[in-house]
């Protein structure tokens, strides 16, 4: 696996600093279980989420300069993780972690102990609901920042990322529909909805790949036709390229 990772990083020119930042955030999970502010949480998420989008970007390919696509790519990684934090808040509390900043809790008149109380007793608190609603609104804003990035990707890569975008943002819809009861039950996108979105993504992906293959074949055919007046050696090279494309 390490060899494959090194090959991929070298092949696509992935910045090695992204791996360092990722490992740093993973290491902090061993000792850090709370965050005072969104600024502090943001530093953690840079390594745990934003760099994932940045690492994937050269692999997925873009139709714009990589620097332009980097901002929405990083935002999408952060958006996904913020959704995870909301969905898993109860389970994370059981593990001694809370990824909702203390400043957000304080703004709504609650603290970590109140979250733990609600988790253990199963009793709802409207102030906790307000915290979760505010966190979801912030999460949706990050999704809006990330959305334009899908169109910046290579057309073949867009369906996969679009599918992930729709399903993950759909978790927020499920959380809202269930009244932000994530301390007491896990919110999920309905199986039927997941199947419909996944099938749509598959159809789009197949269509994109088919369109690209036909475009490449047409380009080779044009090259072959254009080589009719070329030297025998040139025609031979063009035919060879055509066979490789097929």
Protein backbone atom coordinates (compact mmCIF):
# COMPACT_ATOMS: atom_id res chain seq x y z
CA UNK A 1 0.00 0.00 0.00
CA UNK A 2 2.82 2.41 0.85
CA UNK A 3 4.46 1.67 -2.49
CA UNK A 4 1.20 2.34 -4.33
CA UNK A 5 0.72 5.59 -2.40
CA UNK A 6 4.24 6.75 -3.25
CA UNK A 7 3.68 5.87 -6.91
CA UNK A 8 0.39 7.80 -7.03
CA UNK A 9 1.88 10.83 -5.29
CA UNK A 10 4.78 10.87 -7.73
CA UNK A 11 2.67 10.19 -10.80
CA UNK A 12 0.23 13.02 -10.11
CA UNK A 13 2.60 15.42 -8.38
CA UNK A 14 0.69 15.47 -5.08
CA UNK A 15 2.28 17.85 -2.60
CA UNK A 16 3.96 15.82 0.16
CA UNK A 17 2.99 18.49 2.69
CA UNK A 18 -0.62 17.33 2.38
CA UNK A 19 0.36 13.94 3.82
CA UNK A 20 2.27 15.57 6.65
CA UNK A 21 -0.70 17.79 7.50
CA UNK A 22 -3.05 14.81 7.42
CA UNK A 23 -0.93 12.74 9.77
CA UNK A 24 -0.57 15.69 12.14
CA UNK A 25 -4.35 16.00 12.47
CA UNK A 26 -4.77 12.25 12.92
CA UNK A 27 -2.15 12.30 15.66
CA UNK A 28 -3.98 15.11 17.46
CA UNK A 29 -7.05 12.87 17.73
CA UNK A 30 -5.09 10.78 20.21
CA UNK A 31 -4.96 13.61 22.75
CA UNK A 32 -7.38 16.38 21.72
CA UNK A 33 -11.07 15.94 22.45
CA UNK A 34 -12.42 19.49 22.30
CA UNK A 35 -12.02 22.75 20.39
CA UNK A 36 -12.48 26.26 21.70
CA UNK A 37 -13.34 27.98 18.41
CA UNK A 38 -14.05 27.42 14.75
CA UNK A 39 -10.63 28.87 14.03
CA UNK A 40 -9.02 26.15 16.13
CA UNK A 41 -11.24 23.48 14.61
CA UNK A 42 -10.36 24.82 11.16
CA UNK A 43 -6.68 24.12 11.72
CA UNK A 44 -7.54 20.54 12.58
CA UNK A 45 -9.84 20.18 9.57
CA UNK A 46 -7.20 21.50 7.20
CA UNK A 47 -5.21 18.33 7.83
CA UNK A 48 -8.11 15.96 8.37
CA UNK A 49 -10.38 17.08 5.53
CA UNK A 50 -9.23 19.96 3.31
CA UNK A 51 -6.03 18.20 2.23
CA UNK A 52 -8.08 15.16 1.15
CA UNK A 53 -9.74 17.31 -1.49
CA UNK A 54 -6.38 18.78 -2.47
CA UNK A 55 -4.80 15.33 -2.75
CA UNK A 56 -7.60 14.07 -4.97
CA UNK A 57 -7.66 17.08 -7.27
CA UNK A 58 -4.73 16.13 -9.54
CA UNK A 59 -6.01 12.55 -9.71
CA UNK A 60 -9.51 13.60 -10.71
CA UNK A 61 -8.23 16.15 -13.20
CA UNK A 62 -9.52 19.65 -13.89
CA UNK A 63 -10.52 21.81 -16.84
CA UNK A 64 -9.18 24.93 -15.12
CA UNK A 65 -5.81 25.62 -13.51
CA UNK A 66 -5.37 23.53 -10.37
CA UNK A 67 -4.93 26.62 -8.22
CA UNK A 68 -8.42 27.81 -9.19
CA UNK A 69 -10.04 24.48 -8.34
CA UNK A 70 -8.13 24.13 -5.05
CA UNK A 71 -10.41 26.37 -2.99
CA UNK A 72 -13.68 24.50 -3.72
CA UNK A 73 -11.87 21.15 -3.52
CA UNK A 74 -10.63 21.93 -0.02
CA UNK A 75 -14.06 23.27 0.90
CA UNK A 76 -15.73 20.05 -0.18
CA UNK A 77 -13.46 18.02 2.07
CA UNK A 78 -14.33 20.32 4.97
CA UNK A 79 -18.06 20.21 4.16
CA UNK A 80 -18.07 16.42 4.24
CA UNK A 81 -16.30 16.37 7.58
CA UNK A 82 -18.58 18.97 9.15
CA UNK A 83 -21.47 16.73 8.14
CA UNK A 84 -19.73 13.78 9.80
CA UNK A 85 -19.29 15.83 12.98
CA UNK A 86 -23.02 16.55 13.10
CA UNK A 87 -24.16 13.05 12.23
CA UNK A 88 -21.77 11.39 14.67
CA UNK A 89 -21.92 13.88 17.55
CA UNK A 90 -23.42 11.32 19.94
CA UNK A 91 -20.94 8.58 19.07
CA UNK A 92 -18.04 11.02 19.29
CA UNK A 93 -19.15 12.06 22.77
CA UNK A 94 -19.07 8.40 23.78
CA UNK A 95 -15.42 8.38 22.67
CA UNK A 96 -14.59 11.52 24.64
CA UNK A 97 -14.62 13.94 21.70
CA UNK A 98 -16.77 16.87 20.68
CA UNK A 99 -16.09 18.58 17.37
CA UNK A 100 -18.55 21.41 17.96
CA UNK A 101 -16.54 24.41 19.23
CA UNK A 102 -17.08 25.65 22.76
CA UNK A 103 -17.77 29.15 21.40
CA UNK A 104 -20.76 27.80 19.45
CA UNK A 105 -22.15 26.03 22.51
CA UNK A 106 -21.67 29.10 24.70
CA UNK A 107 -23.48 31.31 22.18
CA UNK A 108 -26.58 29.21 22.81
CA UNK A 109 -26.21 28.88 26.57
CA UNK A 110 -25.02 25.27 26.81
CA UNK A 111 -21.75 23.46 27.41
CA UNK A 112 -20.24 20.05 26.80
CA UNK A 113 -21.64 18.70 30.06
CA UNK A 114 -25.14 19.54 28.87
CA UNK A 115 -24.52 17.58 25.69
CA UNK A 116 -23.28 14.61 27.71
CA UNK A 117 -26.33 14.85 29.97
CA UNK A 118 -28.70 14.83 26.99
CA UNK A 119 -26.83 11.91 25.44
CA UNK A 120 -26.99 9.82 28.60
CA UNK A 121 -30.58 10.62 29.58
CA UNK A 122 -32.17 10.77 26.14
CA UNK A 123 -33.82 14.06 27.07
CA UNK A 124 -33.91 16.81 24.45
CA UNK A 125 -32.89 20.42 25.09
CA UNK A 126 -34.01 23.19 22.75
CA UNK A 127 -30.72 25.01 23.26
CA UNK A 128 -28.81 21.98 22.00
CA UNK A 129 -31.13 21.87 18.99
CA UNK A 130 -30.25 25.51 18.32
CA UNK A 131 -26.54 24.66 18.44
CA UNK A 132 -27.00 21.84 15.96
CA UNK A 133 -29.16 23.98 13.67
CA UNK A 134 -26.51 26.69 13.63
CA UNK A 135 -23.80 24.15 12.89
CA UNK A 136 -25.87 22.75 10.01
CA UNK A 137 -26.36 26.24 8.56
CA UNK A 138 -22.62 26.81 8.68
CA UNK A 139 -22.09 23.45 7.01
CA UNK A 140 -24.46 24.33 4.19
CA UNK A 141 -22.54 27.54 3.57
CA UNK A 142 -19.37 25.49 3.06
CA UNK A 143 -21.20 23.23 0.60
CA UNK A 144 -22.16 26.36 -1.37
CA UNK A 145 -18.50 27.32 -1.55
CA UNK A 146 -17.62 23.84 -2.78
CA UNK A 147 -20.37 23.43 -5.38
CA UNK A 148 -18.77 25.43 -8.26
CA UNK A 149 -15.75 23.14 -8.03
CA UNK A 150 -17.62 20.20 -9.53
CA UNK A 151 -17.84 21.95 -12.91
CA UNK A 152 -14.08 22.60 -12.72
CA UNK A 153 -13.31 18.87 -12.68
CA UNK A 154 -12.57 16.65 -15.65
CA UNK A 155 -15.98 15.64 -17.10
CA UNK A 156 -15.30 11.96 -16.40
CA UNK A 157 -14.73 12.72 -12.70
CA UNK A 158 -17.75 14.96 -12.18
CA UNK A 159 -20.46 12.27 -11.76
CA UNK A 160 -18.66 10.56 -8.88
CA UNK A 161 -18.03 13.77 -6.96
CA UNK A 162 -21.52 15.06 -7.71
CA UNK A 163 -22.97 11.83 -6.28
CA UNK A 164 -20.94 12.21 -3.10
CA UNK A 165 -21.99 15.87 -2.87
CA UNK A 166 -25.70 15.06 -3.17
CA UNK A 167 -25.62 12.15 -0.73
CA UNK A 168 -23.52 13.87 1.92
CA UNK A 169 -25.52 17.10 1.82
CA UNK A 170 -28.56 14.84 1.98
CA UNK A 171 -27.43 13.75 5.44
CA UNK A 172 -28.03 17.35 6.55
CA UNK A 173 -31.54 17.11 5.12
CA UNK A 174 -32.09 13.93 7.12
CA UNK A 175 -30.75 15.57 10.30
CA UNK A 176 -33.11 18.50 9.82
CA UNK A 177 -36.07 16.25 9.01
CA UNK A 178 -35.51 14.33 12.25
CA UNK A 179 -35.43 17.49 14.34
CA UNK A 180 -31.68 17.47 14.97
CA UNK A 181 -31.97 14.41 17.20
CA UNK A 182 -28.42 13.29 16.41
CA UNK A 183 -27.49 12.92 20.08
CA UNK A 184 -29.96 10.06 20.28
CA UNK A 185 -30.05 8.43 16.85
CA UNK A 186 -27.97 8.39 13.71
CA UNK A 187 -29.42 10.25 10.73
CA UNK A 188 -29.15 8.47 7.38
CA UNK A 189 -30.21 9.13 3.82
CA UNK A 190 -33.04 6.67 2.97
CA UNK A 191 -31.86 3.59 1.08
CA UNK A 192 -34.16 4.30 -1.87
CA UNK A 193 -32.79 7.82 -2.19
CA UNK A 194 -29.21 6.52 -2.06
CA UNK A 195 -29.97 3.99 -4.78
CA UNK A 196 -31.56 6.60 -7.07
CA UNK A 197 -28.67 9.05 -6.66
CA UNK A 198 -26.04 6.32 -7.11
CA UNK A 199 -27.74 5.01 -10.27
CA UNK A 200 -27.92 8.52 -11.71
CA UNK A 201 -24.21 8.96 -10.97
CA UNK A 202 -23.40 5.66 -12.65
CA UNK A 203 -25.35 6.58 -15.78
CA UNK A 204 -23.62 9.95 -15.95
CA UNK A 205 -20.20 8.36 -15.45
CA UNK A 206 -20.75 5.77 -18.18
CA UNK A 207 -22.01 8.48 -20.55
CA UNK A 208 -18.98 10.67 -19.84
CA UNK A 209 -16.53 7.83 -20.41
CA UNK A 210 -18.32 6.69 -23.56
CA UNK A 211 -18.31 10.23 -24.92
CA UNK A 212 -14.61 10.60 -24.24
CA UNK A 213 -13.77 7.28 -25.87
CA UNK A 214 -15.75 8.17 -28.99
CA UNK A 215 -14.07 11.55 -29.12
CA UNK A 216 -10.65 9.94 -28.92
CA UNK A 217 -11.56 7.43 -31.63
CA UNK A 218 -12.85 10.22 -33.88
CA UNK A 219 -9.63 12.14 -33.35
CA UNK A 220 -7.59 9.08 -34.32
CA UNK A 221 -9.77 8.51 -37.39
CA UNK A 222 -9.15 12.10 -38.45
CA UNK A 223 -5.43 11.61 -37.96
CA UNK A 224 -5.53 8.46 -40.09
CA UNK A 225 -7.42 10.27 -42.83
CA UNK A 226 -4.99 13.14 -42.69
CA UNK A 227 -2.07 10.78 -42.98
CA UNK A 228 -3.16 9.43 -46.35
CA UNK A 229 -0.77 11.78 -48.04
CA UNK A 230 1.97 11.23 -45.50
CA UNK A 231 4.96 8.95 -45.82
CA UNK A 232 4.50 5.21 -45.17
CA UNK A 233 6.41 5.44 -41.90
CA UNK A 234 4.15 8.26 -40.66
CA UNK A 235 1.01 6.32 -41.63
CA UNK A 236 2.35 3.32 -39.77
CA UNK A 237 2.82 5.36 -36.59
CA UNK A 238 -0.72 6.81 -36.81
CA UNK A 239 -2.26 3.36 -37.31
CA UNK A 240 -0.32 2.14 -34.30
CA UNK A 241 -1.75 4.96 -32.17
CA UNK A 242 -5.24 4.09 -33.40
CA UNK A 243 -4.84 0.45 -32.39
CA UNK A 244 -3.68 1.49 -28.92
CA UNK A 245 -6.70 3.75 -28.49
CA UNK A 246 -9.07 0.93 -29.46
